[in-house]
Amino acid sequence: MRKSVQLAALAVVMIALVGCDAVEQSAQNLAEKAEQAVQDVAKEAVDGAVQGLNEQIDGVQQSANELLGKPADEEGKDESQQSEAPANEAVDAKAVET
């Protein structure tokens, strides 16, 4: 009789341990999902803030160009000329006269 009580107690302990392990794994999965959700929300918030800031900067640039009397078509030309100029300067600096 004593052995059967011990076996029953051991079985209860084993079931409890298995249940605890399942609960722990479930909690771990839930924590991972919550972390991913927080990261997604933070990313969306940052993306929205950056997009809003870019729109404000574009508006300020457009206003500055209007104040300077530059038409909208020349803006793209100025940017392409500025990006080509450093490349030409780099080539000139490396050139060797013979």
PDB file of N, CA and C in Angstrom:
ATOM      1  N   MET A   1       0.828  -1.189   0.000  1.00  0.00           N
ATOM      2  CA  MET A   1       0.000   0.000   0.000  1.00  0.00           C
ATOM      3  C   MET A   1       0.870   1.249   0.000  1.00  0.00           C
ATOM      4  N   ARG A   2       1.935   1.162   0.768  1.00  0.00           N
ATOM      5  CA  ARG A   2       2.816   2.320   0.856  1.00  0.00           C
ATOM      6  C   ARG A   2       3.465   2.619  -0.499  1.00  0.00           C
ATOM      7  N   LYS A   3       3.841   1.564  -1.243  1.00  0.00           N
ATOM      8  CA  LYS A   3       4.436   1.742  -2.561  1.00  0.00           C
ATOM      9  C   LYS A   3       3.457   2.373  -3.529  1.00  0.00           C
ATOM     10  N   SER A   4       2.216   1.985  -3.462  1.00  0.00           N
ATOM     11  CA  SER A   4       1.227   2.549  -4.379  1.00  0.00           C
ATOM     12  C   SER A   4       0.995   4.032  -4.090  1.00  0.00           C
ATOM     13  N   VAL A   5       1.058   4.424  -2.827  1.00  0.00           N
ATOM     14  CA  VAL A   5       0.922   5.838  -2.474  1.00  0.00           C
ATOM     15  C   VAL A   5       2.125   6.610  -3.002  1.00  0.00           C
ATOM     16  N   GLN A   6       3.319   6.013  -2.852  1.00  0.00           N
ATOM     17  CA  GLN A   6       4.520   6.659  -3.355  1.00  0.00           C
ATOM     18  C   GLN A   6       4.475   6.799  -4.877  1.00  0.00           C
ATOM     19  N   LEU A   7       4.024   5.768  -5.570  1.00  0.00           N
ATOM     20  CA  LEU A   7       3.914   5.819  -7.035  1.00  0.00           C
ATOM     21  C   LEU A   7       2.880   6.850  -7.467  1.00  0.00           C
ATOM     22  N   ALA A   8       1.790   6.936  -6.747  1.00  0.00           N
ATOM     23  CA  ALA A   8       0.759   7.923  -7.068  1.00  0.00           C
ATOM     24  C   ALA A   8       1.298   9.334  -6.856  1.00  0.00           C
ATOM     25  N   ALA A   9       2.039   9.533  -5.767  1.00  0.00           N
ATOM     26  CA  ALA A   9       2.626  10.847  -5.497  1.00  0.00           C
ATOM     27  C   ALA A   9       3.651  11.205  -6.575  1.00  0.00           C
ATOM     28  N   LEU A  10       4.445  10.220  -6.974  1.00  0.00           N
ATOM     29  CA  LEU A  10       5.431  10.436  -8.028  1.00  0.00           C
ATOM     30  C   LEU A  10       4.746  10.785  -9.355  1.00  0.00           C
ATOM     31  N   ALA A  11       3.667  10.121  -9.651  1.00  0.00           N
ATOM     32  CA  ALA A  11       2.918  10.400 -10.875  1.00  0.00           C
ATOM     33  C   ALA A  11       2.348  11.814 -10.855  1.00  0.00           C
ATOM     34  N   VAL A  12       1.833  12.240  -9.714  1.00  0.00           N
ATOM     35  CA  VAL A  12       1.296  13.595  -9.583  1.00  0.00           C
ATOM     36  C   VAL A  12       2.401  14.620  -9.777  1.00  0.00           C
ATOM     37  N   VAL A  13       3.563  14.372  -9.180  1.00  0.00           N
ATOM     38  CA  VAL A  13       4.698  15.287  -9.324  1.00  0.00           C
ATOM     39  C   VAL A  13       5.130  15.362 -10.795  1.00  0.00           C
ATOM     40  N   MET A  14       5.200  14.238 -11.470  1.00  0.00           N
ATOM     41  CA  MET A  14       5.608  14.220 -12.887  1.00  0.00           C
ATOM     42  C   MET A  14       4.606  14.982 -13.753  1.00  0.00           C
ATOM     43  N   ILE A  15       3.345  14.777 -13.495  1.00  0.00           N
ATOM     44  CA  ILE A  15       2.313  15.488 -14.250  1.00  0.00           C
ATOM     45  C   ILE A  15       2.424  16.983 -14.005  1.00  0.00           C
ATOM     46  N   ALA A  16       2.696  17.357 -12.773  1.00  0.00           N
ATOM     47  CA  ALA A  16       2.846  18.782 -12.438  1.00  0.00           C
ATOM     48  C   ALA A  16       4.055  19.377 -13.147  1.00  0.00           C
ATOM     49  N   LEU A  17       5.157  18.635 -13.196  1.00  0.00           N
ATOM     50  CA  LEU A  17       6.357  19.125 -13.879  1.00  0.00           C
ATOM     51  C   LEU A  17       6.127  19.283 -15.379  1.00  0.00           C
ATOM     52  N   VAL A  18       5.463  18.313 -15.971  1.00  0.00           N
ATOM     53  CA  VAL A  18       5.148  18.403 -17.401  1.00  0.00           C
ATOM     54  C   VAL A  18       4.233  19.587 -17.654  1.00  0.00           C
ATOM     55  N   GLY A  19       3.268  19.785 -16.788  1.00  0.00           N
ATOM     56  CA  GLY A  19       2.362  20.924 -16.920  1.00  0.00           C
ATOM     57  C   GLY A  19       3.096  22.244 -16.769  1.00  0.00           C
ATOM     58  N   CYS A  20       4.039  22.313 -15.825  1.00  0.00           N
ATOM     59  CA  CYS A  20       4.829  23.534 -15.623  1.00  0.00           C
ATOM     60  C   CYS A  20       5.682  23.831 -16.847  1.00  0.00           C
ATOM     61  N   ASP A  21       6.256  22.789 -17.422  1.00  0.00           N
ATOM     62  CA  ASP A  21       7.082  22.974 -18.619  1.00  0.00           C
ATOM     63  C   ASP A  21       6.239  23.505 -19.774  1.00  0.00           C
ATOM     64  N   ALA A  22       5.040  22.969 -19.929  1.00  0.00           N
ATOM     65  CA  ALA A  22       4.152  23.434 -21.001  1.00  0.00           C
ATOM     66  C   ALA A  22       3.741  24.889 -20.763  1.00  0.00           C
ATOM     67  N   VAL A  23       3.471  25.237 -19.517  1.00  0.00           N
ATOM     68  CA  VAL A  23       3.099  26.614 -19.184  1.00  0.00           C
ATOM     69  C   VAL A  23       4.275  27.553 -19.450  1.00  0.00           C
ATOM     70  N   GLU A  24       5.475  27.127 -19.067  1.00  0.00           N
ATOM     71  CA  GLU A  24       6.659  27.958 -19.291  1.00  0.00           C
ATOM     72  C   GLU A  24       6.897  28.180 -20.788  1.00  0.00           C
ATOM     73  N   GLN A  25       6.773  27.137 -21.573  1.00  0.00           N
ATOM     74  CA  GLN A  25       6.969  27.267 -23.018  1.00  0.00           C
ATOM     75  C   GLN A  25       5.893  28.160 -23.634  1.00  0.00           C
ATOM     76  N   SER A  26       4.682  28.021 -23.172  1.00  0.00           N
ATOM     77  CA  SER A  26       3.594  28.862 -23.663  1.00  0.00           C
ATOM     78  C   SER A  26       3.841  30.331 -23.305  1.00  0.00           C
ATOM     79  N   ALA A  27       4.307  30.561 -22.091  1.00  0.00           N
ATOM     80  CA  ALA A  27       4.614  31.939 -21.672  1.00  0.00           C
ATOM     81  C   ALA A  27       5.759  32.512 -22.502  1.00  0.00           C
ATOM     82  N   GLN A  28       6.746  31.696 -22.795  1.00  0.00           N
ATOM     83  CA  GLN A  28       7.878  32.142 -23.622  1.00  0.00           C
ATOM     84  C   GLN A  28       7.387  32.530 -25.021  1.00  0.00           C
ATOM     85  N   ASN A  29       6.532  31.721 -25.615  1.00  0.00           N
ATOM     86  CA  ASN A  29       5.982  32.029 -26.936  1.00  0.00           C
ATOM     87  C   ASN A  29       5.173  33.318 -26.911  1.00  0.00           C
ATOM     88  N   LEU A  30       4.391  33.492 -25.867  1.00  0.00           N
ATOM     89  CA  LEU A  30       3.588  34.694 -25.723  1.00  0.00           C
ATOM     90  C   LEU A  30       4.487  35.927 -25.588  1.00  0.00           C
ATOM     91  N   ALA A  31       5.562  35.812 -24.823  1.00  0.00           N
ATOM     92  CA  ALA A  31       6.495  36.930 -24.651  1.00  0.00           C
ATOM     93  C   ALA A  31       7.161  37.287 -25.973  1.00  0.00           C
ATOM     94  N   GLU A  32       7.537  36.288 -26.764  1.00  0.00           N
ATOM     95  CA  GLU A  32       8.155  36.535 -28.069  1.00  0.00           C
ATOM     96  C   GLU A  32       7.178  37.242 -29.016  1.00  0.00           C
ATOM     97  N   LYS A  33       5.935  36.806 -29.004  1.00  0.00           N
ATOM     98  CA  LYS A  33       4.923  37.441 -29.856  1.00  0.00           C
ATOM     99  C   LYS A  33       4.670  38.881 -29.421  1.00  0.00           C
ATOM    100  N   ALA A  34       4.643  39.112 -28.122  1.00  0.00           N
ATOM    101  CA  ALA A  34       4.431  40.467 -27.605  1.00  0.00           C
ATOM    102  C   ALA A  34       5.605  41.363 -27.984  1.00  0.00           C
ATOM    103  N   GLU A  35       6.812  40.845 -27.893  1.00  0.00           N
ATOM    104  CA  GLU A  35       7.999  41.620 -28.272  1.00  0.00           C
ATOM    105  C   GLU A  35       7.955  41.985 -29.757  1.00  0.00           C
ATOM    106  N   GLN A  36       7.573  41.038 -30.594  1.00  0.00           N
ATOM    107  CA  GLN A  36       7.484  41.295 -32.034  1.00  0.00           C
ATOM    108  C   GLN A  36       6.410  42.341 -32.317  1.00  0.00           C
ATOM    109  N   ALA A  37       5.299  42.274 -31.615  1.00  0.00           N
ATOM    110  CA  ALA A  37       4.225  43.250 -31.812  1.00  0.00           C
ATOM    111  C   ALA A  37       4.688  44.649 -31.408  1.00  0.00           C
ATOM    112  N   VAL A  38       5.424  44.744 -30.312  1.00  0.00           N
ATOM    113  CA  VAL A  38       5.943  46.040 -29.873  1.00  0.00           C
ATOM    114  C   VAL A  38       6.917  46.591 -30.906  1.00  0.00           C
ATOM    115  N   GLN A  39       7.778  45.747 -31.443  1.00  0.00           N
ATOM    116  CA  GLN A  39       8.732  46.178 -32.469  1.00  0.00           C
ATOM    117  C   GLN A  39       7.996  46.661 -33.721  1.00  0.00           C
ATOM    118  N   ASP A  40       6.951  45.955 -34.109  1.00  0.00           N
ATOM    119  CA  ASP A  40       6.183  46.362 -35.293  1.00  0.00           C
ATOM    120  C   ASP A  40       5.519  47.722 -35.088  1.00  0.00           C
ATOM    121  N   VAL A  41       4.935  47.915 -33.915  1.00  0.00           N
ATOM    122  CA  VAL A  41       4.276  49.190 -33.616  1.00  0.00           C
ATOM    123  C   VAL A  41       5.303  50.318 -33.595  1.00  0.00           C
ATOM    124  N   ALA A  42       6.458  50.069 -32.991  1.00  0.00           N
ATOM    125  CA  ALA A  42       7.510  51.091 -32.926  1.00  0.00           C
ATOM    126  C   ALA A  42       8.014  51.427 -34.328  1.00  0.00           C
ATOM    127  N   LYS A  43       8.174  50.413 -35.164  1.00  0.00           N
ATOM    128  CA  LYS A  43       8.645  50.644 -36.533  1.00  0.00           C
ATOM    129  C   LYS A  43       7.641  51.477 -37.313  1.00  0.00           C
ATOM    130  N   GLU A  44       6.363  51.165 -37.164  1.00  0.00           N
ATOM    131  CA  GLU A  44       5.327  51.943 -37.857  1.00  0.00           C
ATOM    132  C   GLU A  44       5.324  53.390 -37.380  1.00  0.00           C
ATOM    133  N   ALA A  45       5.502  53.594 -36.078  1.00  0.00           N
ATOM    134  CA  ALA A  45       5.516  54.954 -35.540  1.00  0.00           C
ATOM    135  C   ALA A  45       6.713  55.732 -36.060  1.00  0.00           C
ATOM    136  N   VAL A  46       7.866  55.101 -36.101  1.00  0.00           N
ATOM    137  CA  VAL A  46       9.074  55.770 -36.602  1.00  0.00           C
ATOM    138  C   VAL A  46       8.934  56.062 -38.091  1.00  0.00           C
ATOM    139  N   ASP A  47       8.422  55.102 -38.849  1.00  0.00           N
ATOM    140  CA  ASP A  47       8.229  55.320 -40.281  1.00  0.00           C
ATOM    141  C   ASP A  47       7.291  56.488 -40.542  1.00  0.00           C
ATOM    142  N   GLY A  48       6.210  56.567 -39.776  1.00  0.00           N
ATOM    143  CA  GLY A  48       5.269  57.673 -39.934  1.00  0.00           C
ATOM    144  C   GLY A  48       5.909  59.004 -39.588  1.00  0.00           C
ATOM    145  N   ALA A  49       6.699  59.028 -38.518  1.00  0.00           N
ATOM    146  CA  ALA A  49       7.365  60.274 -38.116  1.00  0.00           C
ATOM    147  C   ALA A  49       8.384  60.706 -39.168  1.00  0.00           C
ATOM    148  N   VAL A  50       9.136  59.762 -39.701  1.00  0.00           N
ATOM    149  CA  VAL A  50      10.136  60.088 -40.728  1.00  0.00           C
ATOM    150  C   VAL A  50       9.451  60.595 -41.993  1.00  0.00           C
ATOM    151  N   GLN A  51       8.369  59.959 -42.372  1.00  0.00           N
ATOM    152  CA  GLN A  51       7.645  60.393 -43.567  1.00  0.00           C
ATOM    153  C   GLN A  51       7.103  61.814 -43.368  1.00  0.00           C
ATOM    154  N   GLY A  52       6.542  62.094 -42.208  1.00  0.00           N
ATOM    155  CA  GLY A  52       6.038  63.441 -41.921  1.00  0.00           C
ATOM    156  C   GLY A  52       7.155  64.468 -41.947  1.00  0.00           C
ATOM    157  N   LEU A  53       8.305  64.123 -41.369  1.00  0.00           N
ATOM    158  CA  LEU A  53       9.453  65.026 -41.366  1.00  0.00           C
ATOM    159  C   LEU A  53       9.948  65.285 -42.790  1.00  0.00           C
ATOM    160  N   ASN A  54       9.999  64.240 -43.604  1.00  0.00           N
ATOM    161  CA  ASN A  54      10.418  64.406 -45.006  1.00  0.00           C
ATOM    162  C   ASN A  54       9.470  65.331 -45.768  1.00  0.00           C
ATOM    163  N   GLU A  55       8.183  65.191 -45.500  1.00  0.00           N
ATOM    164  CA  GLU A  55       7.219  66.068 -46.167  1.00  0.00           C
ATOM    165  C   GLU A  55       7.422  67.520 -45.742  1.00  0.00           C
ATOM    166  N   GLN A  56       7.694  67.742 -44.460  1.00  0.00           N
ATOM    167  CA  GLN A  56       7.944  69.097 -43.989  1.00  0.00           C
ATOM    168  C   GLN A  56       9.223  69.664 -44.610  1.00  0.00           C
ATOM    169  N   ILE A  57      10.251  68.852 -44.699  1.00  0.00           N
ATOM    170  CA  ILE A  57      11.507  69.303 -45.312  1.00  0.00           C
ATOM    171  C   ILE A  57      11.288  69.634 -46.777  1.00  0.00           C
ATOM    172  N   ASP A  58      10.536  68.800 -47.483  1.00  0.00           N
ATOM    173  CA  ASP A  58      10.235  69.083 -48.888  1.00  0.00           C
ATOM    174  C   ASP A  58       9.512  70.413 -49.031  1.00  0.00           C
ATOM    175  N   GLY A  59       8.574  70.680 -48.136  1.00  0.00           N
ATOM    176  CA  GLY A  59       7.842  71.951 -48.173  1.00  0.00           C
ATOM    177  C   GLY A  59       8.758  73.139 -47.923  1.00  0.00           C
ATOM    178  N   VAL A  60       9.667  72.992 -46.966  1.00  0.00           N
ATOM    179  CA  VAL A  60      10.615  74.072 -46.674  1.00  0.00           C
ATOM    180  C   VAL A  60      11.545  74.293 -47.859  1.00  0.00           C
ATOM    181  N   GLN A  61      12.013  73.222 -48.478  1.00  0.00           N
ATOM    182  CA  GLN A  61      12.880  73.360 -49.653  1.00  0.00           C
ATOM    183  C   GLN A  61      12.144  74.038 -50.800  1.00  0.00           C
ATOM    184  N   GLN A  62      10.907  73.646 -50.993  1.00  0.00           N
ATOM    185  CA  GLN A  62      10.117  74.261 -52.065  1.00  0.00           C
ATOM    186  C   GLN A  62       9.911  75.751 -51.775  1.00  0.00           C
ATOM    187  N   SER A  63       9.610  76.098 -50.546  1.00  0.00           N
ATOM    188  CA  SER A  63       9.437  77.503 -50.175  1.00  0.00           C
ATOM    189  C   SER A  63      10.740  78.275 -50.376  1.00  0.00           C
ATOM    190  N   ALA A  64      11.855  77.682 -49.988  1.00  0.00           N
ATOM    191  CA  ALA A  64      13.151  78.344 -50.163  1.00  0.00           C
ATOM    192  C   ALA A  64      13.444  78.555 -51.639  1.00  0.00           C
ATOM    193  N   ASN A  65      13.160  77.573 -52.453  1.00  0.00           N
ATOM    194  CA  ASN A  65      13.398  77.710 -53.891  1.00  0.00           C
ATOM    195  C   ASN A  65      12.498  78.783 -54.494  1.00  0.00           C
ATOM    196  N   GLU A  66      11.262  78.857 -54.021  1.00  0.00           N
ATOM    197  CA  GLU A  66      10.356  79.896 -54.516  1.00  0.00           C
ATOM    198  C   GLU A  66      10.864  81.277 -54.114  1.00  0.00           C
ATOM    199  N   LEU A  67      11.371  81.400 -52.880  1.00  0.00           N
ATOM    200  CA  LEU A  67      11.920  82.685 -52.432  1.00  0.00           C
ATOM    201  C   LEU A  67      13.167  83.071 -53.234  1.00  0.00           C
ATOM    202  N   LEU A  68      13.945  82.072 -53.630  1.00  0.00           N
ATOM    203  CA  LEU A  68      15.146  82.339 -54.419  1.00  0.00           C
ATOM    204  C   LEU A  68      14.829  82.535 -55.897  1.00  0.00           C
ATOM    205  N   GLY A  69      13.601  82.284 -56.273  1.00  0.00           N
ATOM    206  CA  GLY A  69      13.170  82.472 -57.652  1.00  0.00           C
ATOM    207  C   GLY A  69      13.516  81.319 -58.569  1.00  0.00           C
ATOM    208  N   LYS A  70      13.774  80.164 -57.996  1.00  0.00           N
ATOM    209  CA  LYS A  70      14.085  78.989 -58.815  1.00  0.00           C
ATOM    210  C   LYS A  70      12.797  78.274 -59.175  1.00  0.00           C
ATOM    211  N   PRO A  71      12.588  78.013 -60.472  1.00  0.00           N
ATOM    212  CA  PRO A  71      11.414  77.204 -60.842  1.00  0.00           C
ATOM    213  C   PRO A  71      11.622  75.744 -60.429  1.00  0.00           C
ATOM    214  N   ALA A  72      10.551  75.009 -60.349  1.00  0.00           N
ATOM    215  CA  ALA A  72      10.594  73.622 -59.893  1.00  0.00           C
ATOM    216  C   ALA A  72      11.434  72.751 -60.812  1.00  0.00           C
ATOM    217  N   ASP A  73      11.497  73.038 -62.123  1.00  0.00           N
ATOM    218  CA  ASP A  73      12.241  72.217 -63.068  1.00  0.00           C
ATOM    219  C   ASP A  73      13.746  72.306 -62.842  1.00  0.00           C
ATOM    220  N   GLU A  74      14.254  73.452 -62.390  1.00  0.00           N
ATOM    221  CA  GLU A  74      15.684  73.612 -62.205  1.00  0.00           C
ATOM    222  C   GLU A  74      16.193  72.887 -60.969  1.00  0.00           C
ATOM    223  N   GLU A  75      15.327  72.540 -60.049  1.00  0.00           N
ATOM    224  CA  GLU A  75      15.752  71.870 -58.826  1.00  0.00           C
ATOM    225  C   GLU A  75      16.417  70.540 -59.145  1.00  0.00           C
ATOM    226  N   GLY A  76      15.820  69.748 -59.994  1.00  0.00           N
ATOM    227  CA  GLY A  76      16.376  68.451 -60.370  1.00  0.00           C
ATOM    228  C   GLY A  76      17.697  68.601 -61.094  1.00  0.00           C
ATOM    229  N   LYS A  77      17.824  69.637 -61.947  1.00  0.00           N
ATOM    230  CA  LYS A  77      19.069  69.869 -62.672  1.00  0.00           C
ATOM    231  C   LYS A  77      20.179  70.245 -61.707  1.00  0.00           C
ATOM    232  N   ASP A  78      19.889  71.089 -60.732  1.00  0.00           N
ATOM    233  CA  ASP A  78      20.897  71.504 -59.765  1.00  0.00           C
ATOM    234  C   ASP A  78      21.419  70.305 -58.982  1.00  0.00           C
ATOM    235  N   GLU A  79      20.525  69.424 -58.576  1.00  0.00           N
ATOM    236  CA  GLU A  79      20.939  68.258 -57.811  1.00  0.00           C
ATOM    237  C   GLU A  79      21.815  67.337 -58.641  1.00  0.00           C
ATOM    238  N   SER A  80      21.481  67.133 -59.926  1.00  0.00           N
ATOM    239  CA  SER A  80      22.295  66.251 -60.761  1.00  0.00           C
ATOM    240  C   SER A  80      23.645  66.884 -61.052  1.00  0.00           C
ATOM    241  N   GLN A  81      23.711  68.194 -61.200  1.00  0.00           N
ATOM    242  CA  GLN A  81      24.984  68.864 -61.427  1.00  0.00           C
ATOM    243  C   GLN A  81      25.853  68.787 -60.178  1.00  0.00           C
ATOM    244  N   GLN A  82      25.255  68.911 -59.004  1.00  0.00           N
ATOM    245  CA  GLN A  82      26.017  68.847 -57.771  1.00  0.00           C
ATOM    246  C   GLN A  82      26.587  67.451 -57.553  1.00  0.00           C
ATOM    247  N   SER A  83      25.849  66.423 -57.928  1.00  0.00           N
ATOM    248  CA  SER A  83      26.352  65.068 -57.732  1.00  0.00           C
ATOM    249  C   SER A  83      27.457  64.746 -58.731  1.00  0.00           C
ATOM    250  N   GLU A  84      27.476  65.372 -59.916  1.00  0.00           N
ATOM    251  CA  GLU A  84      28.523  65.138 -60.901  1.00  0.00           C
ATOM    252  C   GLU A  84      29.784  65.918 -60.557  1.00  0.00           C
ATOM    253  N   ALA A  85      29.678  67.067 -59.950  1.00  0.00           N
ATOM    254  CA  ALA A  85      30.824  67.926 -59.679  1.00  0.00           C
ATOM    255  C   ALA A  85      31.864  67.248 -58.787  1.00  0.00           C
ATOM    256  N   PRO A  86      31.522  66.617 -57.675  1.00  0.00           N
ATOM    257  CA  PRO A  86      32.550  65.979 -56.858  1.00  0.00           C
ATOM    258  C   PRO A  86      33.269  64.863 -57.609  1.00  0.00           C
ATOM    259  N   ALA A  87      32.585  64.154 -58.476  1.00  0.00           N
ATOM    260  CA  ALA A  87      33.233  63.085 -59.230  1.00  0.00           C
ATOM    261  C   ALA A  87      34.291  63.675 -60.158  1.00  0.00           C
ATOM    262  N   ASN A  88      33.987  64.785 -60.815  1.00  0.00           N
ATOM    263  CA  ASN A  88      34.957  65.430 -61.700  1.00  0.00           C
ATOM    264  C   ASN A  88      36.149  65.944 -60.912  1.00  0.00           C
ATOM    265  N   GLU A  89      35.919  66.520 -59.749  1.00  0.00           N
ATOM    266  CA  GLU A  89      37.001  67.036 -58.920  1.00  0.00           C
ATOM    267  C   GLU A  89      37.908  65.908 -58.468  1.00  0.00           C
ATOM    268  N   ALA A  90      37.360  64.768 -58.162  1.00  0.00           N
ATOM    269  CA  ALA A  90      38.164  63.640 -57.715  1.00  0.00           C
ATOM    270  C   ALA A  90      39.071  63.172 -58.841  1.00  0.00           C
ATOM    271  N   VAL A  91      38.570  63.150 -60.039  1.00  0.00           N
ATOM    272  CA  VAL A  91      39.374  62.725 -61.181  1.00  0.00           C
ATOM    273  C   VAL A  91      40.486  63.728 -61.420  1.00  0.00           C
ATOM    274  N   ASP A  92      40.180  65.027 -61.356  1.00  0.00           N
ATOM    275  CA  ASP A  92      41.181  66.055 -61.571  1.00  0.00           C
ATOM    276  C   ASP A  92      42.268  65.990 -60.509  1.00  0.00           C
ATOM    277  N   ALA A  93      41.909  65.692 -59.281  1.00  0.00           N
ATOM    278  CA  ALA A  93      42.887  65.642 -58.203  1.00  0.00           C
ATOM    279  C   ALA A  93      43.843  64.465 -58.377  1.00  0.00           C
ATOM    280  N   LYS A  94      43.394  63.408 -59.019  1.00  0.00           N
ATOM    281  CA  LYS A  94      44.224  62.223 -59.200  1.00  0.00           C
ATOM    282  C   LYS A  94      45.001  62.259 -60.513  1.00  0.00           C
ATOM    283  N   ALA A  95      44.650  63.188 -61.387  1.00  0.00           N
ATOM    284  CA  ALA A  95      45.308  63.237 -62.688  1.00  0.00           C
ATOM    285  C   ALA A  95      46.770  63.617 -62.517  1.00  0.00           C
ATOM    286  N   VAL A  96      47.603  63.057 -63.385  1.00  0.00           N
ATOM    287  CA  VAL A  96      49.036  63.333 -63.350  1.00  0.00           C
ATOM    288  C   VAL A  96      49.423  63.945 -64.672  1.00  0.00           C
ATOM    289  N   GLU A  97      50.116  65.090 -64.610  1.00  0.00           N
ATOM    290  CA  GLU A  97      50.571  65.730 -65.841  1.00  0.00           C
ATOM    291  C   GLU A  97      51.853  65.077 -66.296  1.00  0.00           C
ATOM    292  N   THR A  98      51.974  64.943 -67.619  1.00  0.00           N
ATOM    293  CA  THR A  98      53.202  64.350 -68.158  1.00  0.00           C
ATOM    294  C   THR A  98      53.951  65.319 -69.029  1.00  0.00           C
TER     295      THR A  98
END
